[in-house]
Amino acid sequence: MENCLDSTGNTPDRKEDMGMESVWACLEKGGTVLTVNRRLARHLMDDFDRLQLEQGRSAWPTPDIVSLSGWLERCWDSLVGLPDLPAE
């Protein structure tokens, strides 16, 4: 997963601190964008697809835009089935 930083080298704290151009660039590098809900994730996915079409592309990798709840599910699913940690 790619870390996308702002121009100061810090991870932006708020959406306002990171322009959409930076968000799109982050996604094109394979980064992940977390959103507050699934509706916003779908909206950003549609915007990203529209941008790709405007740039004349006919195919592109699916961007990793996911709601916080979806990301937590993904993390949980990746941990299920791992061996238990030893008790201390």
PDB file of N, CA and C in Angstrom:
ATOM      1  N   MET A   1       0.844  -1.165   0.000  1.00  0.00           N
ATOM      2  CA  MET A   1       0.000   0.000   0.000  1.00  0.00           C
ATOM      3  C   MET A   1       0.898   1.240   0.000  1.00  0.00           C
ATOM      4  N   GLU A   2       0.584   2.162  -0.834  1.00  0.00           N
ATOM      5  CA  GLU A   2       1.348   3.388  -1.002  1.00  0.00           C
ATOM      6  C   GLU A   2       0.943   4.421   0.045  1.00  0.00           C
ATOM      7  N   ASN A   3       1.941   5.083   0.642  1.00  0.00           N
ATOM      8  CA  ASN A   3       1.660   6.225   1.511  1.00  0.00           C
ATOM      9  C   ASN A   3       1.723   7.474   0.665  1.00  0.00           C
ATOM     10  N   CYS A   4       0.700   8.280   0.730  1.00  0.00           N
ATOM     11  CA  CYS A   4       0.665   9.509  -0.048  1.00  0.00           C
ATOM     12  C   CYS A   4       0.757  10.683   0.906  1.00  0.00           C
ATOM     13  N   LEU A   5       1.752  11.497   0.690  1.00  0.00           N
ATOM     14  CA  LEU A   5       2.031  12.597   1.590  1.00  0.00           C
ATOM     15  C   LEU A   5       1.765  13.924   0.911  1.00  0.00           C
ATOM     16  N   ASP A   6       1.561  14.944   1.718  1.00  0.00           N
ATOM     17  CA  ASP A   6       1.369  16.274   1.149  1.00  0.00           C
ATOM     18  C   ASP A   6       2.718  16.885   0.787  1.00  0.00           C
ATOM     19  N   SER A   7       2.718  18.131   0.332  1.00  0.00           N
ATOM     20  CA  SER A   7       3.943  18.771  -0.149  1.00  0.00           C
ATOM     21  C   SER A   7       4.971  18.996   0.957  1.00  0.00           C
ATOM     22  N   THR A   8       4.566  18.918   2.235  1.00  0.00           N
ATOM     23  CA  THR A   8       5.514  19.091   3.331  1.00  0.00           C
ATOM     24  C   THR A   8       6.102  17.766   3.788  1.00  0.00           C
ATOM     25  N   GLY A   9       5.673  16.676   3.168  1.00  0.00           N
ATOM     26  CA  GLY A   9       6.168  15.361   3.560  1.00  0.00           C
ATOM     27  C   GLY A   9       5.369  14.730   4.683  1.00  0.00           C
ATOM     28  N   ASN A  10       4.262  15.371   5.056  1.00  0.00           N
ATOM     29  CA  ASN A  10       3.399  14.848   6.114  1.00  0.00           C
ATOM     30  C   ASN A  10       2.124  14.297   5.514  1.00  0.00           C
ATOM     31  N   THR A  11       1.548  13.329   6.205  1.00  0.00           N
ATOM     32  CA  THR A  11       0.239  12.835   5.786  1.00  0.00           C
ATOM     33  C   THR A  11      -0.784  13.897   6.144  1.00  0.00           C
ATOM     34  N   PRO A  12      -1.589  14.345   5.194  1.00  0.00           N
ATOM     35  CA  PRO A  12      -2.580  15.377   5.505  1.00  0.00           C
ATOM     36  C   PRO A  12      -3.590  14.903   6.538  1.00  0.00           C
ATOM     37  N   ASP A  13      -3.980  15.820   7.439  1.00  0.00           N
ATOM     38  CA  ASP A  13      -4.948  15.487   8.481  1.00  0.00           C
ATOM     39  C   ASP A  13      -6.375  15.577   7.984  1.00  0.00           C
ATOM     40  N   ARG A  14      -6.626  16.421   7.011  1.00  0.00           N
ATOM     41  CA  ARG A  14      -7.989  16.644   6.544  1.00  0.00           C
ATOM     42  C   ARG A  14      -8.002  16.650   5.027  1.00  0.00           C
ATOM     43  N   LYS A  15      -9.175  16.349   4.456  1.00  0.00           N
ATOM     44  CA  LYS A  15      -9.331  16.353   3.000  1.00  0.00           C
ATOM     45  C   LYS A  15      -8.955  17.711   2.414  1.00  0.00           C
ATOM     46  N   GLU A  16      -9.284  18.806   3.144  1.00  0.00           N
ATOM     47  CA  GLU A  16      -8.996  20.142   2.629  1.00  0.00           C
ATOM     48  C   GLU A  16      -7.492  20.358   2.425  1.00  0.00           C
ATOM     49  N   ASP A  17      -6.682  19.612   3.189  1.00  0.00           N
ATOM     50  CA  ASP A  17      -5.238  19.772   3.101  1.00  0.00           C
ATOM     51  C   ASP A  17      -4.646  19.058   1.893  1.00  0.00           C
ATOM     52  N   MET A  18      -5.439  18.247   1.239  1.00  0.00           N
ATOM     53  CA  MET A  18      -4.947  17.448   0.117  1.00  0.00           C
ATOM     54  C   MET A  18      -5.895  17.651  -1.051  1.00  0.00           C
ATOM     55  N   GLY A  19      -5.450  18.364  -2.077  1.00  0.00           N
ATOM     56  CA  GLY A  19      -6.294  18.604  -3.237  1.00  0.00           C
ATOM     57  C   GLY A  19      -6.616  17.315  -3.968  1.00  0.00           C
ATOM     58  N   MET A  20      -7.684  17.353  -4.744  1.00  0.00           N
ATOM     59  CA  MET A  20      -8.100  16.145  -5.461  1.00  0.00           C
ATOM     60  C   MET A  20      -7.028  15.675  -6.434  1.00  0.00           C
ATOM     61  N   GLU A  21      -6.238  16.587  -6.980  1.00  0.00           N
ATOM     62  CA  GLU A  21      -5.159  16.153  -7.872  1.00  0.00           C
ATOM     63  C   GLU A  21      -4.200  15.226  -7.135  1.00  0.00           C
ATOM     64  N   SER A  22      -3.936  15.541  -5.869  1.00  0.00           N
ATOM     65  CA  SER A  22      -3.059  14.689  -5.063  1.00  0.00           C
ATOM     66  C   SER A  22      -3.708  13.348  -4.769  1.00  0.00           C
ATOM     67  N   VAL A  23      -5.020  13.361  -4.555  1.00  0.00           N
ATOM     68  CA  VAL A  23      -5.744  12.112  -4.307  1.00  0.00           C
ATOM     69  C   VAL A  23      -5.656  11.220  -5.540  1.00  0.00           C
ATOM     70  N   TRP A  24      -5.914  11.792  -6.728  1.00  0.00           N
ATOM     71  CA  TRP A  24      -5.860  10.999  -7.960  1.00  0.00           C
ATOM     72  C   TRP A  24      -4.444  10.469  -8.180  1.00  0.00           C
ATOM     73  N   ALA A  25      -3.431  11.309  -7.931  1.00  0.00           N
ATOM     74  CA  ALA A  25      -2.039  10.869  -8.109  1.00  0.00           C
ATOM     75  C   ALA A  25      -1.720   9.725  -7.150  1.00  0.00           C
ATOM     76  N   CYS A  26      -2.209   9.820  -5.935  1.00  0.00           N
ATOM     77  CA  CYS A  26      -1.999   8.762  -4.947  1.00  0.00           C
ATOM     78  C   CYS A  26      -2.608   7.450  -5.442  1.00  0.00           C
ATOM     79  N   LEU A  27      -3.824   7.524  -5.956  1.00  0.00           N
ATOM     80  CA  LEU A  27      -4.490   6.318  -6.459  1.00  0.00           C
ATOM     81  C   LEU A  27      -3.750   5.735  -7.651  1.00  0.00           C
ATOM     82  N   GLU A  28      -3.240   6.587  -8.520  1.00  0.00           N
ATOM     83  CA  GLU A  28      -2.514   6.087  -9.695  1.00  0.00           C
ATOM     84  C   GLU A  28      -1.217   5.390  -9.300  1.00  0.00           C
ATOM     85  N   LYS A  29      -0.661   5.716  -8.133  1.00  0.00           N
ATOM     86  CA  LYS A  29       0.551   5.060  -7.639  1.00  0.00           C
ATOM     87  C   LYS A  29       0.226   3.804  -6.847  1.00  0.00           C
ATOM     88  N   GLY A  30      -1.074   3.469  -6.766  1.00  0.00           N
ATOM     89  CA  GLY A  30      -1.462   2.263  -6.038  1.00  0.00           C
ATOM     90  C   GLY A  30      -1.832   2.519  -4.595  1.00  0.00           C
ATOM     91  N   GLY A  31      -2.022   3.763  -4.217  1.00  0.00           N
ATOM     92  CA  GLY A  31      -2.388   4.108  -2.848  1.00  0.00           C
ATOM     93  C   GLY A  31      -3.824   3.753  -2.530  1.00  0.00           C
ATOM     94  N   THR A  32      -4.155   3.883  -1.279  1.00  0.00           N
ATOM     95  CA  THR A  32      -5.501   3.615  -0.784  1.00  0.00           C
ATOM     96  C   THR A  32      -6.093   4.917  -0.265  1.00  0.00           C
ATOM     97  N   VAL A  33      -7.346   5.164  -0.598  1.00  0.00           N
ATOM     98  CA  VAL A  33      -8.075   6.309  -0.081  1.00  0.00           C
ATOM     99  C   VAL A  33      -9.198   5.789   0.796  1.00  0.00           C
ATOM    100  N   LEU A  34      -9.211   6.233   2.061  1.00  0.00           N
ATOM    101  CA  LEU A  34     -10.277   5.871   2.985  1.00  0.00           C
ATOM    102  C   LEU A  34     -11.314   6.976   3.002  1.00  0.00           C
ATOM    103  N   THR A  35     -12.580   6.572   3.020  1.00  0.00           N
ATOM    104  CA  THR A  35     -13.676   7.537   3.079  1.00  0.00           C
ATOM    105  C   THR A  35     -14.536   7.252   4.306  1.00  0.00           C
ATOM    106  N   VAL A  36     -15.393   8.212   4.625  1.00  0.00           N
ATOM    107  CA  VAL A  36     -16.233   8.059   5.816  1.00  0.00           C
ATOM    108  C   VAL A  36     -17.370   7.071   5.610  1.00  0.00           C
ATOM    109  N   ASN A  37     -17.762   6.838   4.347  1.00  0.00           N
ATOM    110  CA  ASN A  37     -18.860   5.905   4.098  1.00  0.00           C
ATOM    111  C   ASN A  37     -18.760   5.330   2.686  1.00  0.00           C
ATOM    112  N   ARG A  38     -19.577   4.313   2.432  1.00  0.00           N
ATOM    113  CA  ARG A  38     -19.538   3.631   1.133  1.00  0.00           C
ATOM    114  C   ARG A  38     -20.035   4.540   0.011  1.00  0.00           C
ATOM    115  N   ARG A  39     -20.971   5.411   0.324  1.00  0.00           N
ATOM    116  CA  ARG A  39     -21.498   6.315  -0.704  1.00  0.00           C
ATOM    117  C   ARG A  39     -20.390   7.221  -1.250  1.00  0.00           C
ATOM    118  N   LEU A  40     -19.589   7.782  -0.357  1.00  0.00           N
ATOM    119  CA  LEU A  40     -18.491   8.637  -0.813  1.00  0.00           C
ATOM    120  C   LEU A  40     -17.457   7.822  -1.583  1.00  0.00           C
ATOM    121  N   ALA A  41     -17.205   6.598  -1.160  1.00  0.00           N
ATOM    122  CA  ALA A  41     -16.261   5.738  -1.884  1.00  0.00           C
ATOM    123  C   ALA A  41     -16.743   5.508  -3.315  1.00  0.00           C
ATOM    124  N   ARG A  42     -18.038   5.213  -3.484  1.00  0.00           N
ATOM    125  CA  ARG A  42     -18.593   5.009  -4.830  1.00  0.00           C
ATOM    126  C   ARG A  42     -18.510   6.296  -5.655  1.00  0.00           C
ATOM    127  N   HIS A  43     -18.799   7.430  -5.026  1.00  0.00           N
ATOM    128  CA  HIS A  43     -18.735   8.717  -5.718  1.00  0.00           C
ATOM    129  C   HIS A  43     -17.311   8.997  -6.220  1.00  0.00           C
ATOM    130  N   LEU A  44     -16.320   8.781  -5.361  1.00  0.00           N
ATOM    131  CA  LEU A  44     -14.934   9.002  -5.769  1.00  0.00           C
ATOM    132  C   LEU A  44     -14.506   8.003  -6.839  1.00  0.00           C
ATOM    133  N   MET A  45     -14.992   6.784  -6.756  1.00  0.00           N
ATOM    134  CA  MET A  45     -14.691   5.778  -7.784  1.00  0.00           C
ATOM    135  C   MET A  45     -15.229   6.242  -9.137  1.00  0.00           C
ATOM    136  N   ASP A  46     -16.466   6.745  -9.146  1.00  0.00           N
ATOM    137  CA  ASP A  46     -17.048   7.265 -10.388  1.00  0.00           C
ATOM    138  C   ASP A  46     -16.244   8.439 -10.925  1.00  0.00           C
ATOM    139  N   ASP A  47     -15.833   9.349 -10.040  1.00  0.00           N
ATOM    140  CA  ASP A  47     -15.023  10.496 -10.460  1.00  0.00           C
ATOM    141  C   ASP A  47     -13.690  10.047 -11.047  1.00  0.00           C
ATOM    142  N   PHE A  48     -13.064   9.051 -10.410  1.00  0.00           N
ATOM    143  CA  PHE A  48     -11.783   8.548 -10.894  1.00  0.00           C
ATOM    144  C   PHE A  48     -11.950   7.932 -12.281  1.00  0.00           C
ATOM    145  N   ASP A  49     -13.007   7.141 -12.458  1.00  0.00           N
ATOM    146  CA  ASP A  49     -13.274   6.528 -13.759  1.00  0.00           C
ATOM    147  C   ASP A  49     -13.506   7.598 -14.832  1.00  0.00           C
ATOM    148  N   ARG A  50     -14.256   8.628 -14.477  1.00  0.00           N
ATOM    149  CA  ARG A  50     -14.523   9.724 -15.417  1.00  0.00           C
ATOM    150  C   ARG A  50     -13.212  10.413 -15.817  1.00  0.00           C
ATOM    151  N   LEU A  51     -12.338  10.631 -14.855  1.00  0.00           N
ATOM    152  CA  LEU A  51     -11.041  11.257 -15.136  1.00  0.00           C
ATOM    153  C   LEU A  51     -10.213  10.389 -16.083  1.00  0.00           C
ATOM    154  N   GLN A  52     -10.230   9.087 -15.876  1.00  0.00           N
ATOM    155  CA  GLN A  52      -9.474   8.185 -16.752  1.00  0.00           C
ATOM    156  C   GLN A  52      -9.999   8.257 -18.185  1.00  0.00           C
ATOM    157  N   LEU A  53     -11.318   8.292 -18.331  1.00  0.00           N
ATOM    158  CA  LEU A  53     -11.916   8.403 -19.669  1.00  0.00           C
ATOM    159  C   LEU A  53     -11.565   9.732 -20.320  1.00  0.00           C
ATOM    160  N   GLU A  54     -11.593  10.816 -19.536  1.00  0.00           N
ATOM    161  CA  GLU A  54     -11.237  12.140 -20.061  1.00  0.00           C
ATOM    162  C   GLU A  54      -9.790  12.183 -20.532  1.00  0.00           C
ATOM    163  N   GLN A  55      -8.927  11.363 -19.912  1.00  0.00           N
ATOM    164  CA  GLN A  55      -7.520  11.309 -20.299  1.00  0.00           C
ATOM    165  C   GLN A  55      -7.289  10.342 -21.460  1.00  0.00           C
ATOM    166  N   GLY A  56      -8.372   9.806 -22.011  1.00  0.00           N
ATOM    167  CA  GLY A  56      -8.271   8.955 -23.190  1.00  0.00           C
ATOM    168  C   GLY A  56      -7.921   7.512 -22.912  1.00  0.00           C
ATOM    169  N   ARG A  57      -7.961   7.109 -21.692  1.00  0.00           N
ATOM    170  CA  ARG A  57      -7.651   5.720 -21.368  1.00  0.00           C
ATOM    171  C   ARG A  57      -8.866   4.842 -21.621  1.00  0.00           C
ATOM    172  N   SER A  58      -8.618   3.633 -22.061  1.00  0.00           N
ATOM    173  CA  SER A  58      -9.713   2.689 -22.278  1.00  0.00           C
ATOM    174  C   SER A  58      -9.743   1.608 -21.199  1.00  0.00           C
ATOM    175  N   ALA A  59      -8.669   1.501 -20.420  1.00  0.00           N
ATOM    176  CA  ALA A  59      -8.606   0.535 -19.328  1.00  0.00           C
ATOM    177  C   ALA A  59      -7.619   1.044 -18.281  1.00  0.00           C
ATOM    178  N   TRP A  60      -7.858   0.703 -17.021  1.00  0.00           N
ATOM    179  CA  TRP A  60      -6.989   1.114 -15.930  1.00  0.00           C
ATOM    180  C   TRP A  60      -7.255   0.205 -14.740  1.00  0.00           C
ATOM    181  N   PRO A  61      -6.260   0.101 -13.843  1.00  0.00           N
ATOM    182  CA  PRO A  61      -6.476  -0.712 -12.639  1.00  0.00           C
ATOM    183  C   PRO A  61      -7.571  -0.082 -11.766  1.00  0.00           C
ATOM    184  N   THR A  62      -8.315  -0.916 -11.097  1.00  0.00           N
ATOM    185  CA  THR A  62      -9.346  -0.429 -10.190  1.00  0.00           C
ATOM    186  C   THR A  62      -8.681   0.270  -9.008  1.00  0.00           C
ATOM    187  N   PRO A  63      -9.047   1.521  -8.748  1.00  0.00           N
ATOM    188  CA  PRO A  63      -8.432   2.227  -7.620  1.00  0.00           C
ATOM    189  C   PRO A  63      -8.916   1.659  -6.291  1.00  0.00           C
ATOM    190  N   ASP A  64      -8.076   1.758  -5.287  1.00  0.00           N
ATOM    191  CA  ASP A  64      -8.407   1.248  -3.960  1.00  0.00           C
ATOM    192  C   ASP A  64      -9.022   2.384  -3.141  1.00  0.00           C
ATOM    193  N   ILE A  65     -10.319   2.580  -3.348  1.00  0.00           N
ATOM    194  CA  ILE A  65     -11.087   3.584  -2.611  1.00  0.00           C
ATOM    195  C   ILE A  65     -12.069   2.818  -1.752  1.00  0.00           C
ATOM    196  N   VAL A  66     -11.963   2.957  -0.453  1.00  0.00           N
ATOM    197  CA  VAL A  66     -12.748   2.104   0.444  1.00  0.00           C
ATOM    198  C   VAL A  66     -13.225   2.905   1.656  1.00  0.00           C
ATOM    199  N   SER A  67     -14.422   2.574   2.102  1.00  0.00           N
ATOM    200  CA  SER A  67     -14.943   3.211   3.317  1.00  0.00           C
ATOM    201  C   SER A  67     -14.161   2.693   4.523  1.00  0.00           C
ATOM    202  N   LEU A  68     -14.211   3.450   5.592  1.00  0.00           N
ATOM    203  CA  LEU A  68     -13.520   3.016   6.805  1.00  0.00           C
ATOM    204  C   LEU A  68     -14.043   1.666   7.266  1.00  0.00           C
ATOM    205  N   SER A  69     -15.372   1.472   7.230  1.00  0.00           N
ATOM    206  CA  SER A  69     -15.923   0.185   7.659  1.00  0.00           C
ATOM    207  C   SER A  69     -15.457  -0.943   6.736  1.00  0.00           C
ATOM    208  N   GLY A  70     -15.381  -0.666   5.437  1.00  0.00           N
ATOM    209  CA  GLY A  70     -14.885  -1.671   4.499  1.00  0.00           C
ATOM    210  C   GLY A  70     -13.422  -2.000   4.729  1.00  0.00           C
ATOM    211  N   TRP A  71     -12.638  -0.981   5.069  1.00  0.00           N
ATOM    212  CA  TRP A  71     -11.214  -1.184   5.340  1.00  0.00           C
ATOM    213  C   TRP A  71     -11.034  -2.011   6.606  1.00  0.00           C
ATOM    214  N   LEU A  72     -11.850  -1.720   7.637  1.00  0.00           N
ATOM    215  CA  LEU A  72     -11.769  -2.509   8.870  1.00  0.00           C
ATOM    216  C   LEU A  72     -12.148  -3.964   8.613  1.00  0.00           C
ATOM    217  N   GLU A  73     -13.165  -4.187   7.789  1.00  0.00           N
ATOM    218  CA  GLU A  73     -13.535  -5.559   7.415  1.00  0.00           C
ATOM    219  C   GLU A  73     -12.371  -6.246   6.714  1.00  0.00           C
ATOM    220  N   ARG A  74     -11.727  -5.525   5.809  1.00  0.00           N
ATOM    221  CA  ARG A  74     -10.574  -6.079   5.079  1.00  0.00           C
ATOM    222  C   ARG A  74      -9.470  -6.468   6.062  1.00  0.00           C
ATOM    223  N   CYS A  75      -9.186  -5.592   7.015  1.00  0.00           N
ATOM    224  CA  CYS A  75      -8.149  -5.888   8.015  1.00  0.00           C
ATOM    225  C   CYS A  75      -8.528  -7.102   8.847  1.00  0.00           C
ATOM    226  N   TRP A  76      -9.789  -7.150   9.283  1.00  0.00           N
ATOM    227  CA  TRP A  76     -10.262  -8.288  10.086  1.00  0.00           C
ATOM    228  C   TRP A  76     -10.127  -9.578   9.293  1.00  0.00           C
ATOM    229  N   ASP A  77     -10.577  -9.556   8.040  1.00  0.00           N
ATOM    230  CA  ASP A  77     -10.519 -10.760   7.207  1.00  0.00           C
ATOM    231  C   ASP A  77      -9.087 -11.235   7.016  1.00  0.00           C
ATOM    232  N   SER A  78      -8.139 -10.295   6.960  1.00  0.00           N
ATOM    233  CA  SER A  78      -6.742 -10.698   6.769  1.00  0.00           C
ATOM    234  C   SER A  78      -6.163 -11.328   8.029  1.00  0.00           C
ATOM    235  N   LEU A  79      -6.773 -11.036   9.173  1.00  0.00           N
ATOM    236  CA  LEU A  79      -6.283 -11.605  10.436  1.00  0.00           C
ATOM    237  C   LEU A  79      -6.937 -12.926  10.793  1.00  0.00           C
ATOM    238  N   VAL A  80      -8.140 -13.166  10.288  1.00  0.00           N
ATOM    239  CA  VAL A  80      -8.848 -14.411  10.587  1.00  0.00           C
ATOM    240  C   VAL A  80      -8.043 -15.574  10.015  1.00  0.00           C
ATOM    241  N   GLY A  81      -7.839 -16.571  10.816  1.00  0.00           N
ATOM    242  CA  GLY A  81      -7.108 -17.749  10.357  1.00  0.00           C
ATOM    243  C   GLY A  81      -5.626 -17.697  10.653  1.00  0.00           C
ATOM    244  N   LEU A  82      -5.131 -16.545  11.101  1.00  0.00           N
ATOM    245  CA  LEU A  82      -3.729 -16.489  11.504  1.00  0.00           C
ATOM    246  C   LEU A  82      -3.572 -17.223  12.829  1.00  0.00           C
ATOM    247  N   PRO A  83      -2.403 -17.789  13.078  1.00  0.00           N
ATOM    248  CA  PRO A  83      -2.213 -18.474  14.364  1.00  0.00           C
ATOM    249  C   PRO A  83      -2.353 -17.475  15.516  1.00  0.00           C
ATOM    250  N   ASP A  84      -2.861 -17.966  16.643  1.00  0.00           N
ATOM    251  CA  ASP A  84      -2.990 -17.113  17.825  1.00  0.00           C
ATOM    252  C   ASP A  84      -1.615 -16.709  18.319  1.00  0.00           C
ATOM    253  N   LEU A  85      -1.555 -15.509  18.855  1.00  0.00           N
ATOM    254  CA  LEU A  85      -0.311 -15.062  19.479  1.00  0.00           C
ATOM    255  C   LEU A  85      -0.144 -15.784  20.817  1.00  0.00           C
ATOM    256  N   PRO A  86       1.077 -16.090  21.185  1.00  0.00           N
ATOM    257  CA  PRO A  86       1.275 -16.769  22.482  1.00  0.00           C
ATOM    258  C   PRO A  86       0.897 -15.825  23.626  1.00  0.00           C
ATOM    259  N   ALA A  87       0.270 -16.366  24.646  1.00  0.00           N
ATOM    260  CA  ALA A  87      -0.089 -15.580  25.839  1.00  0.00           C
ATOM    261  C   ALA A  87       1.182 -15.285  26.616  1.00  0.00           C
ATOM    262  N   GLU A  88       1.216 -14.117  27.166  1.00  0.00           N
ATOM    263  CA  GLU A  88       2.417 -13.768  27.960  1.00  0.00           C
ATOM    264  C   GLU A  88       2.142 -13.905  29.414  1.00  0.00           C
TER     265      GLU A  88
END
